[in-house]
Amino acid sequence: MQIIFLLLFVAIFYFLLIRPQQKRTKEARQMQASLSRGDKIVTIGGLQGTIDSLDDQTATLRCGAGKLTFERNAIRAVLKKANAPEPEKIEEGKDKKAKTDTETEKK
């Protein structure tokens, strides 16, 4: 009976702590591997900038009028990819008209 509780405890520990941490680590590695020049990023310190150059260990960011060099591991998130298209803005008048047309078709 004690062995069952021990195994149950280990399984719960694995699924609640270890596995989610491994997933976050994998996602961070993928994000850092996909960085490219021109990406807008935020560092772990909260600094936002655009990647000017990259090498295996460091990234040089354009921030305001200057450039700063950071470790690639210090990049927390990509705010906008360099080649990502701008999101389309929906005008309220067109959106309401589309909803009205859809409701009319349903009747």
C-alpha atoms as a PDB file:
ATOM      1  CA  MET A   1       0.000   0.000   0.000  1.00  0.00           C
ATOM      2  CA  GLN A   2       2.851   2.402   0.807  1.00  0.00           C
ATOM      3  CA  ILE A   3       4.455   1.687  -2.556  1.00  0.00           C
ATOM      4  CA  ILE A   4       1.233   2.662  -4.328  1.00  0.00           C
ATOM      5  CA  PHE A   5       1.128   6.007  -2.500  1.00  0.00           C
ATOM      6  CA  LEU A   6       4.797   6.609  -3.291  1.00  0.00           C
ATOM      7  CA  LEU A   7       4.261   5.872  -7.002  1.00  0.00           C
ATOM      8  CA  LEU A   8       1.150   8.042  -7.036  1.00  0.00           C
ATOM      9  CA  PHE A   9       3.081  10.892  -5.409  1.00  0.00           C
ATOM     10  CA  VAL A  10       5.902  10.578  -7.966  1.00  0.00           C
ATOM     11  CA  ALA A  11       3.398  10.570 -10.861  1.00  0.00           C
ATOM     12  CA  ILE A  12       1.607  13.667  -9.550  1.00  0.00           C
ATOM     13  CA  PHE A  13       4.944  15.416  -8.985  1.00  0.00           C
ATOM     14  CA  TYR A  14       6.011  14.600 -12.555  1.00  0.00           C
ATOM     15  CA  PHE A  15       2.812  15.791 -14.237  1.00  0.00           C
ATOM     16  CA  LEU A  16       2.408  18.958 -12.148  1.00  0.00           C
ATOM     17  CA  LEU A  17       6.016  20.155 -11.928  1.00  0.00           C
ATOM     18  CA  ILE A  18       8.532  18.455 -14.190  1.00  0.00           C
ATOM     19  CA  ARG A  19       6.573  18.060 -17.425  1.00  0.00           C
ATOM     20  CA  PRO A  20       5.297  21.686 -17.628  1.00  0.00           C
ATOM     21  CA  GLN A  21       8.819  22.982 -16.961  1.00  0.00           C
ATOM     22  CA  GLN A  22      10.217  20.822 -19.770  1.00  0.00           C
ATOM     23  CA  LYS A  23       7.527  22.181 -22.104  1.00  0.00           C
ATOM     24  CA  ARG A  24       8.378  25.808 -21.222  1.00  0.00           C
ATOM     25  CA  THR A  25      12.093  25.119 -21.747  1.00  0.00           C
ATOM     26  CA  LYS A  26      11.428  23.550 -25.154  1.00  0.00           C
ATOM     27  CA  GLU A  27       9.268  26.511 -26.232  1.00  0.00           C
ATOM     28  CA  ALA A  28      11.954  28.991 -25.103  1.00  0.00           C
ATOM     29  CA  ARG A  29      14.632  27.134 -27.093  1.00  0.00           C
ATOM     30  CA  GLN A  30      12.429  27.114 -30.195  1.00  0.00           C
ATOM     31  CA  MET A  31      11.723  30.836 -29.833  1.00  0.00           C
ATOM     32  CA  GLN A  32      15.429  31.638 -29.435  1.00  0.00           C
ATOM     33  CA  ALA A  33      16.341  29.452 -32.416  1.00  0.00           C
ATOM     34  CA  SER A  34      13.774  31.218 -34.621  1.00  0.00           C
ATOM     35  CA  LEU A  35      15.047  34.745 -33.908  1.00  0.00           C
ATOM     36  CA  SER A  36      16.001  36.797 -36.945  1.00  0.00           C
ATOM     37  CA  ARG A  37      17.225  40.277 -37.778  1.00  0.00           C
ATOM     38  CA  GLY A  38      14.420  42.850 -37.557  1.00  0.00           C
ATOM     39  CA  ASP A  39      12.326  41.002 -34.947  1.00  0.00           C
ATOM     40  CA  LYS A  40      10.921  43.222 -32.200  1.00  0.00           C
ATOM     41  CA  ILE A  41      11.605  41.586 -28.843  1.00  0.00           C
ATOM     42  CA  VAL A  42      11.473  42.147 -25.089  1.00  0.00           C
ATOM     43  CA  THR A  43      14.250  41.049 -22.727  1.00  0.00           C
ATOM     44  CA  ILE A  44      13.890  39.517 -19.274  1.00  0.00           C
ATOM     45  CA  GLY A  45      14.679  42.965 -17.876  1.00  0.00           C
ATOM     46  CA  GLY A  46      11.781  44.534 -19.773  1.00  0.00           C
ATOM     47  CA  LEU A  47      13.854  46.324 -22.424  1.00  0.00           C
ATOM     48  CA  GLN A  48      12.172  46.419 -25.832  1.00  0.00           C
ATOM     49  CA  GLY A  49      14.115  46.695 -29.048  1.00  0.00           C
ATOM     50  CA  THR A  50      14.694  45.441 -32.565  1.00  0.00           C
ATOM     51  CA  ILE A  51      17.322  42.810 -33.328  1.00  0.00           C
ATOM     52  CA  ASP A  52      20.137  44.375 -35.347  1.00  0.00           C
ATOM     53  CA  SER A  53      22.470  41.360 -35.472  1.00  0.00           C
ATOM     54  CA  LEU A  54      22.713  37.824 -34.075  1.00  0.00           C
ATOM     55  CA  ASP A  55      25.366  35.227 -33.450  1.00  0.00           C
ATOM     56  CA  ASP A  56      25.359  31.918 -31.566  1.00  0.00           C
ATOM     57  CA  GLN A  57      25.435  33.434 -28.076  1.00  0.00           C
ATOM     58  CA  THR A  58      24.523  37.131 -28.359  1.00  0.00           C
ATOM     59  CA  ALA A  59      22.012  39.488 -29.947  1.00  0.00           C
ATOM     60  CA  THR A  60      22.574  43.175 -30.642  1.00  0.00           C
ATOM     61  CA  LEU A  61      19.443  45.285 -30.174  1.00  0.00           C
ATOM     62  CA  ARG A  62      18.579  48.730 -31.484  1.00  0.00           C
ATOM     63  CA  CYS A  63      16.961  50.652 -28.639  1.00  0.00           C
ATOM     64  CA  GLY A  64      16.254  54.308 -29.189  1.00  0.00           C
ATOM     65  CA  ALA A  65      19.390  55.943 -30.578  1.00  0.00           C
ATOM     66  CA  GLY A  66      21.859  53.264 -29.451  1.00  0.00           C
ATOM     67  CA  LYS A  67      22.688  49.602 -29.681  1.00  0.00           C
ATOM     68  CA  LEU A  68      23.016  47.120 -26.822  1.00  0.00           C
ATOM     69  CA  THR A  69      24.375  43.568 -26.798  1.00  0.00           C
ATOM     70  CA  PHE A  70      22.566  40.862 -24.818  1.00  0.00           C
ATOM     71  CA  GLU A  71      22.875  37.131 -24.344  1.00  0.00           C
ATOM     72  CA  ARG A  72      20.323  35.298 -26.482  1.00  0.00           C
ATOM     73  CA  ASN A  73      19.038  33.640 -23.295  1.00  0.00           C
ATOM     74  CA  ALA A  74      18.021  37.085 -21.999  1.00  0.00           C
ATOM     75  CA  ILE A  75      15.323  37.417 -24.670  1.00  0.00           C
ATOM     76  CA  ARG A  76      11.941  36.683 -23.091  1.00  0.00           C
ATOM     77  CA  ALA A  77       9.524  37.052 -26.002  1.00  0.00           C
ATOM     78  CA  VAL A  78       9.155  38.104 -29.624  1.00  0.00           C
ATOM     79  CA  LEU A  79       6.660  40.951 -29.921  1.00  0.00           C
ATOM     80  CA  LYS A  80       6.609  41.000 -33.723  1.00  0.00           C
ATOM     81  CA  LYS A  81       8.424  38.923 -36.319  1.00  0.00           C
ATOM     82  CA  ALA A  82      10.326  40.891 -38.966  1.00  0.00           C
ATOM     83  CA  ASN A  83       8.449  39.374 -41.889  1.00  0.00           C
ATOM     84  CA  ALA A  84       5.030  39.188 -40.216  1.00  0.00           C
ATOM     85  CA  PRO A  85       2.252  41.107 -42.001  1.00  0.00           C
ATOM     86  CA  GLU A  86       0.402  43.863 -40.204  1.00  0.00           C
ATOM     87  CA  PRO A  87      -2.903  42.697 -38.686  1.00  0.00           C
ATOM     88  CA  GLU A  88      -5.912  43.898 -40.645  1.00  0.00           C
ATOM     89  CA  LYS A  89      -8.075  46.498 -38.969  1.00  0.00           C
ATOM     90  CA  ILE A  90     -11.815  45.970 -39.240  1.00  0.00           C
ATOM     91  CA  GLU A  91     -13.839  49.122 -39.504  1.00  0.00           C
ATOM     92  CA  GLU A  92     -16.892  49.158 -37.267  1.00  0.00           C
ATOM     93  CA  GLY A  93     -19.324  50.173 -40.017  1.00  0.00           C
ATOM     94  CA  LYS A  94     -18.271  47.315 -42.292  1.00  0.00           C
ATOM     95  CA  ASP A  95     -18.307  44.822 -39.427  1.00  0.00           C
ATOM     96  CA  LYS A  96     -21.862  45.776 -38.407  1.00  0.00           C
ATOM     97  CA  LYS A  97     -23.026  45.585 -42.035  1.00  0.00           C
ATOM     98  CA  ALA A  98     -21.526  42.091 -42.387  1.00  0.00           C
ATOM     99  CA  LYS A  99     -23.361  40.948 -39.241  1.00  0.00           C
ATOM    100  CA  THR A 100     -26.633  42.407 -40.527  1.00  0.00           C
ATOM    101  CA  ASP A 101     -26.198  40.691 -43.917  1.00  0.00           C
ATOM    102  CA  THR A 102     -25.494  37.364 -42.208  1.00  0.00           C
ATOM    103  CA  GLU A 103     -28.555  37.687 -39.970  1.00  0.00           C
ATOM    104  CA  THR A 104     -30.739  38.521 -43.006  1.00  0.00           C
ATOM    105  CA  GLU A 105     -29.495  35.432 -44.856  1.00  0.00           C
ATOM    106  CA  LYS A 106     -30.388  33.200 -41.890  1.00  0.00           C
ATOM    107  CA  LYS A 107     -34.041  34.336 -42.005  1.00  0.00           C
END
